[in-house]
Amino acid sequence: GNWIYFPWNGLLVHAIREKEYFALKTNRNKNIITQEEQQKLHNFRVGIVGLSVGSNVATALAYSGIARTIKLAEFDTLETTNLNRIRARIDQIGIRKIDIVSQQLYEIDPYIHLTHLTEGLTKDTLSEFVLAEPKPQLIFEIIDSFEMKIHLRELARAHRIPVIMVTNLGDRVLMDVERYDINPDAEFFNGRAGSVPHDILERPDVTAADKHRYAVELAGGAKHVPQRAIDSVNDIGKTLVGRPQLASTVTASGAFGAYLTKKIALGEHIPSASWLVDFDAVFSSRSPFVI
């Protein structure tokens, strides 16, 4: 076996070798996932930009035995107000999110391969994130910078890399899948955003009102955003430090992200599309999902 040292907590662990560890760790996935499929998933490379919601995607992948190679981009540090939705501890406040997530991933799988961009996604790091080895085969974009959302898609589309955007809307999760790998002419945000991508590049230094408008339009319009979330916008900077989000939807986002990664990595049919998962609709007594 191997001795593995975790410097952030001082633990020294004796573990079996990588091949045997992977076989035991994924044993209970069988036969929902076959051994051949699991190996294909293990070899799939994923990039994640933004490690608030993205942290749950990353850990869901690691627990599932998907993507032993993950490229992470995040510049921010953990704040107290992040603790309502990010799996972290109070003693980690002030530590970089990318370090916290990396520690979690190594503790799940000490043989995982991680690449870090600690400056986050910028014009200077964009090419390195998308094109440098290890080159991701799928990118999760979960960031606040509207300008970088567009630049990332421009480069991903040019090199036929699919992009998934995750948006939490109260008790709703919006999953946007953009399959530039199978349709290099696909429109950004599945064509839902109208002139917003052009407007963002024309006016990258936007006002607070512009940011709110862009966010609503990228979410498919006000009809998809809960009224309480819309009403909360006026409180940002006063009684709120940012737009409201819930741990329940953030956690669900990780599960949906792992599911979509599995489907795409195995070559199953997942088209360019947007799915809005409304928890109230799913669990309503009138829901068609009731059995």
Protein backbone atom coordinates (compact mmCIF):
# COMPACT_ATOMS: atom_id res chain seq x y z
CA GLY A 1 0.00 0.00 0.00
CA ASN A 2 0.89 3.67 0.32
CA TRP A 3 1.38 6.09 3.17
CA ILE A 4 -0.62 9.27 2.55
CA TYR A 5 0.00 12.46 4.51
CA PHE A 6 -2.65 15.19 4.84
CA PRO A 7 -0.68 18.31 5.91
CA TRP A 8 -3.75 20.42 6.76
CA ASN A 9 -4.77 18.12 9.64
CA GLY A 10 -1.53 16.26 10.38
CA LEU A 11 -2.96 12.81 9.60
CA LEU A 12 -0.80 10.05 8.15
CA VAL A 13 -2.92 7.27 6.64
CA HIS A 14 -1.87 3.87 5.35
CA ALA A 15 -4.04 3.01 2.34
CA ILE A 16 -4.19 0.38 -0.37
CA ARG A 17 -2.85 1.25 -3.80
CA GLU A 18 -4.78 3.35 -6.30
CA LYS A 19 -6.24 0.53 -8.41
CA GLU A 20 -7.49 -1.43 -5.41
CA TYR A 21 -8.77 1.72 -3.69
CA PHE A 22 -10.80 2.65 -6.78
CA ALA A 23 -12.24 -0.87 -7.03
CA LEU A 24 -13.39 -0.86 -3.39
CA LYS A 25 -14.61 2.73 -3.43
CA THR A 26 -16.85 2.15 -6.46
CA ASN A 27 -17.98 -1.36 -5.52
CA ARG A 28 -21.44 -0.24 -4.41
CA ASN A 29 -21.97 1.57 -7.73
CA LYS A 30 -22.27 -1.85 -9.39
CA ASN A 31 -24.23 -2.72 -11.36
CA ILE A 32 -26.09 0.53 -11.72
CA ILE A 33 -22.81 1.53 -13.31
CA THR A 34 -20.92 -1.32 -14.99
CA GLN A 35 -17.20 -1.82 -14.47
CA GLU A 36 -16.48 -0.72 -18.05
CA GLU A 37 -18.64 2.40 -17.63
CA GLN A 38 -17.00 3.23 -14.30
CA GLN A 39 -13.54 3.16 -15.86
CA LYS A 40 -14.71 5.44 -18.66
CA LEU A 41 -16.19 7.85 -16.10
CA HIS A 42 -13.00 7.72 -14.05
CA ASN A 43 -10.92 8.79 -17.05
CA PHE A 44 -13.23 11.68 -17.98
CA ARG A 45 -11.75 15.16 -17.37
CA VAL A 46 -13.88 17.97 -15.90
CA GLY A 47 -13.28 21.67 -15.33
CA ILE A 48 -15.21 23.62 -12.67
CA VAL A 49 -15.22 27.42 -12.57
CA GLY A 50 -16.62 28.80 -9.31
CA LEU A 51 -16.48 26.81 -6.09
CA SER A 52 -19.53 27.90 -4.14
CA VAL A 53 -22.18 25.83 -5.91
CA GLY A 54 -19.30 24.23 -7.81
CA SER A 55 -17.90 22.74 -4.61
CA ASN A 56 -20.94 20.45 -4.41
CA VAL A 57 -20.49 19.41 -8.03
CA ALA A 58 -16.83 18.60 -7.36
CA THR A 59 -17.51 16.46 -4.29
CA ALA A 60 -20.43 14.67 -5.97
CA LEU A 61 -18.11 13.71 -8.83
CA ALA A 62 -15.42 12.50 -6.44
CA TYR A 63 -17.83 10.38 -4.39
CA SER A 64 -19.23 8.89 -7.62
CA GLY A 65 -15.83 7.88 -8.97
CA ILE A 66 -16.22 10.31 -11.88
CA ALA A 67 -13.32 12.41 -13.19
CA ARG A 68 -10.09 11.53 -11.45
CA THR A 69 -8.77 14.64 -13.21
CA ILE A 70 -10.49 17.91 -12.25
CA LYS A 71 -9.38 21.44 -13.07
CA LEU A 72 -10.56 24.04 -10.54
CA ALA A 73 -10.72 27.83 -10.88
CA GLU A 74 -11.65 30.09 -7.96
CA PHE A 75 -10.14 33.24 -6.44
CA ASP A 76 -12.42 33.81 -3.45
CA THR A 77 -12.04 32.99 0.24
CA LEU A 78 -14.63 31.53 2.58
CA GLU A 79 -16.81 34.04 4.45
CA THR A 80 -19.28 33.50 7.27
CA THR A 81 -22.19 34.17 4.91
CA ASN A 82 -21.04 31.25 2.72
CA LEU A 83 -21.73 28.76 5.51
CA ASN A 84 -25.44 28.56 4.69
CA ARG A 85 -24.64 26.54 1.55
CA ILE A 86 -20.95 25.54 1.37
CA ARG A 87 -19.74 22.41 3.14
CA ALA A 88 -17.05 23.99 5.30
CA ARG A 89 -16.23 24.70 8.94
CA ILE A 90 -16.22 27.89 10.99
CA ASP A 91 -12.46 27.57 11.55
CA GLN A 92 -11.95 27.72 7.76
CA ILE A 93 -13.29 31.26 7.40
CA GLY A 94 -10.68 33.30 5.52
CA ILE A 95 -9.20 30.25 3.78
CA ARG A 96 -9.36 30.07 -0.01
CA LYS A 97 -12.35 28.11 -1.26
CA ILE A 98 -10.14 26.28 -3.73
CA ASP A 99 -8.00 24.99 -0.84
CA ILE A 100 -11.04 23.87 1.17
CA VAL A 101 -12.54 22.00 -1.78
CA SER A 102 -9.20 20.46 -2.71
CA GLN A 103 -8.75 19.14 0.82
CA GLN A 104 -12.21 17.59 0.71
CA LEU A 105 -11.48 15.95 -2.64
CA TYR A 106 -8.15 14.51 -1.49
CA GLU A 107 -9.82 13.15 1.64
CA ILE A 108 -12.44 11.42 -0.54
CA ASP A 109 -9.86 10.15 -3.03
CA PRO A 110 -6.18 10.74 -2.24
CA TYR A 111 -5.28 9.62 -5.78
CA ILE A 112 -7.32 12.33 -7.51
CA HIS A 113 -5.49 14.66 -9.93
CA LEU A 114 -6.25 18.35 -9.34
CA THR A 115 -5.16 21.44 -11.23
CA HIS A 116 -5.63 24.83 -9.55
CA LEU A 117 -6.16 28.29 -10.97
CA THR A 118 -6.16 30.36 -7.79
CA GLU A 119 -6.79 33.63 -9.65
CA GLY A 120 -10.12 32.32 -10.85
CA LEU A 121 -11.23 32.73 -14.44
CA THR A 122 -9.88 35.92 -16.00
CA LYS A 123 -8.86 36.98 -19.49
CA ASP A 124 -5.30 36.03 -18.52
CA THR A 125 -6.18 32.53 -17.25
CA LEU A 126 -8.97 31.65 -19.70
CA SER A 127 -6.81 29.90 -22.30
CA GLU A 128 -4.92 28.00 -19.61
CA PHE A 129 -8.16 26.76 -18.08
CA VAL A 130 -9.84 25.70 -21.32
CA LEU A 131 -6.92 24.58 -23.50
CA ALA A 132 -3.90 23.70 -21.34
CA GLU A 133 -3.34 20.12 -20.26
CA PRO A 134 -5.17 18.49 -18.66
CA LYS A 135 -7.76 19.80 -21.13
CA PRO A 136 -11.30 19.41 -19.74
CA GLN A 137 -13.84 17.41 -21.72
CA LEU A 138 -16.69 19.17 -19.92
CA ILE A 139 -16.80 22.54 -18.14
CA PHE A 140 -19.10 23.63 -15.32
CA GLU A 141 -19.53 27.40 -15.33
CA ILE A 142 -20.94 28.67 -12.03
CA ILE A 143 -19.57 32.21 -11.68
CA ASP A 144 -20.96 35.72 -11.23
CA SER A 145 -18.86 37.50 -13.88
CA PHE A 146 -21.16 38.01 -16.86
CA GLU A 147 -18.28 39.01 -19.13
CA MET A 148 -16.29 35.85 -18.37
CA LYS A 149 -19.38 33.72 -18.94
CA ILE A 150 -19.36 34.93 -22.54
CA HIS A 151 -15.60 34.67 -23.11
CA LEU A 152 -15.59 31.13 -21.69
CA ARG A 153 -18.34 30.07 -24.08
CA GLU A 154 -16.60 31.66 -27.06
CA LEU A 155 -13.48 29.58 -26.43
CA ALA A 156 -15.34 26.41 -25.43
CA ARG A 157 -17.49 26.56 -28.57
CA ALA A 158 -14.44 27.14 -30.78
CA HIS A 159 -12.85 23.98 -29.35
CA ARG A 160 -16.07 21.95 -29.10
CA ILE A 161 -16.15 21.55 -25.32
CA PRO A 162 -19.61 21.28 -23.71
CA VAL A 163 -20.56 23.72 -20.94
CA ILE A 164 -23.03 23.27 -18.09
CA MET A 165 -24.29 26.28 -16.14
CA VAL A 166 -26.03 25.81 -12.80
CA THR A 167 -28.35 28.48 -11.40
CA ASN A 168 -30.07 28.27 -8.00
CA LEU A 169 -33.40 30.09 -7.87
CA GLY A 170 -34.91 29.72 -4.42
CA ASP A 171 -36.41 26.21 -4.33
CA ARG A 172 -35.60 25.75 -8.02
CA VAL A 173 -32.51 24.62 -9.88
CA LEU A 174 -31.90 25.62 -13.49
CA MET A 175 -29.52 23.33 -15.40
CA ASP A 176 -28.28 24.68 -18.73
CA VAL A 177 -26.45 22.21 -20.99
CA GLU A 178 -24.70 23.62 -24.04
CA ARG A 179 -23.38 20.80 -26.27
CA TYR A 180 -20.75 22.59 -28.30
CA ASP A 181 -19.10 19.19 -28.78
CA ILE A 182 -21.96 17.93 -30.95
CA ASN A 183 -23.20 21.29 -32.27
CA PRO A 184 -20.45 23.91 -32.62
CA ASP A 185 -23.04 26.39 -33.92
CA ALA A 186 -25.19 26.19 -30.78
CA GLU A 187 -26.24 29.56 -29.40
CA PHE A 188 -24.99 30.73 -26.04
CA PHE A 189 -27.39 29.91 -23.17
CA ASN A 190 -29.40 27.86 -25.69
CA GLY A 191 -30.51 31.06 -27.38
CA ARG A 192 -32.60 32.03 -24.38
CA ALA A 193 -30.73 35.23 -23.51
CA GLY A 194 -31.52 37.25 -26.63
CA SER A 195 -29.19 40.23 -26.98
CA VAL A 196 -27.76 39.88 -23.45
CA PRO A 197 -24.42 38.28 -24.51
CA HIS A 198 -23.83 41.14 -26.96
CA ASP A 199 -24.89 43.73 -24.38
CA ILE A 200 -22.51 42.27 -21.79
CA LEU A 201 -19.49 42.51 -24.09
CA GLU A 202 -20.48 46.00 -25.19
CA ARG A 203 -20.84 47.17 -21.58
CA PRO A 204 -18.68 44.97 -19.31
CA ASP A 205 -18.67 47.58 -16.50
CA VAL A 206 -22.34 47.24 -15.69
CA THR A 207 -24.45 48.91 -13.05
CA ALA A 208 -26.26 47.06 -10.29
CA ALA A 209 -29.49 47.41 -12.29
CA ASP A 210 -27.80 45.93 -15.37
CA LYS A 211 -26.49 42.99 -13.33
CA HIS A 212 -29.98 42.26 -12.05
CA ARG A 213 -31.45 42.44 -15.55
CA TYR A 214 -28.75 40.19 -16.98
CA ALA A 215 -29.22 37.65 -14.18
CA VAL A 216 -32.98 37.50 -14.69
CA GLU A 217 -32.71 37.18 -18.47
CA LEU A 218 -30.04 34.47 -18.24
CA ALA A 219 -32.41 32.59 -15.92
CA GLY A 220 -35.06 32.65 -18.63
CA GLY A 221 -37.02 35.64 -17.40
CA ALA A 222 -38.78 36.72 -14.24
CA LYS A 223 -41.30 33.88 -14.53
CA HIS A 224 -38.57 31.43 -13.44
CA VAL A 225 -37.34 33.48 -10.49
CA PRO A 226 -39.33 33.23 -7.23
CA GLN A 227 -40.93 36.52 -6.21
CA ARG A 228 -39.16 36.47 -2.84
CA ALA A 229 -35.81 36.27 -4.63
CA ILE A 230 -36.75 39.19 -6.88
CA ASP A 231 -37.92 41.23 -3.89
CA SER A 232 -34.62 40.51 -2.12
CA VAL A 233 -32.58 42.31 -4.78
CA ASN A 234 -33.35 45.71 -3.22
CA ASP A 235 -31.89 44.47 0.07
CA ILE A 236 -28.48 43.55 -1.40
CA GLY A 237 -25.88 45.84 0.11
CA LYS A 238 -28.26 46.76 2.93
CA THR A 239 -29.42 43.71 4.88
CA LEU A 240 -28.09 41.11 2.41
CA VAL A 241 -24.51 40.69 1.18
CA GLY A 242 -25.62 38.89 -1.98
CA ARG A 243 -28.50 37.20 -3.74
CA PRO A 244 -30.24 34.55 -1.61
CA GLN A 245 -29.39 30.87 -2.06
CA LEU A 246 -30.28 27.72 -0.12
CA ALA A 247 -28.21 24.70 0.86
CA SER A 248 -30.98 22.40 -0.35
CA THR A 249 -30.82 23.59 -3.95
CA VAL A 250 -27.03 23.90 -3.91
CA THR A 251 -26.76 20.28 -2.74
CA ALA A 252 -29.23 19.15 -5.39
CA SER A 253 -27.16 20.99 -7.98
CA GLY A 254 -24.23 18.73 -7.17
CA ALA A 255 -26.37 15.64 -7.74
CA PHE A 256 -27.73 16.94 -11.04
CA GLY A 257 -24.23 17.90 -12.12
CA ALA A 258 -22.87 14.41 -11.44
CA TYR A 259 -25.82 12.84 -13.28
CA LEU A 260 -25.35 14.98 -16.40
CA THR A 261 -21.59 14.38 -16.36
CA LYS A 262 -22.21 10.64 -16.25
CA LYS A 263 -24.57 10.80 -19.22
CA ILE A 264 -22.27 12.97 -21.33
CA ALA A 265 -19.13 10.98 -20.48
CA LEU A 266 -20.84 7.71 -21.45
CA GLY A 267 -22.03 9.15 -24.75
CA GLU A 268 -25.71 8.96 -23.86
CA HIS A 269 -28.16 11.39 -25.39
CA ILE A 270 -28.17 14.67 -23.51
CA PRO A 271 -29.04 17.50 -25.92
CA SER A 272 -28.39 21.21 -25.64
CA ALA A 273 -31.29 22.25 -23.44
CA SER A 274 -32.34 23.94 -20.22
CA TRP A 275 -34.12 22.12 -17.41
CA LEU A 276 -35.86 23.92 -14.56
CA VAL A 277 -36.38 21.64 -11.56
CA ASP A 278 -39.04 23.28 -9.40
CA PHE A 279 -39.21 21.49 -6.05
CA ASP A 280 -42.70 22.84 -5.30
CA ALA A 281 -44.00 21.47 -8.60
CA VAL A 282 -42.33 18.08 -8.11
CA PHE A 283 -43.68 17.60 -4.60
CA SER A 284 -47.12 19.08 -5.18
CA SER A 285 -50.09 16.78 -4.66
CA ARG A 286 -51.01 17.56 -8.27
CA SER A 287 -47.62 16.48 -9.52
CA PRO A 288 -47.49 13.73 -12.16
CA PHE A 289 -44.50 12.31 -10.28
CA VAL A 290 -46.69 11.10 -7.39
CA ILE A 291 -47.01 7.30 -7.43
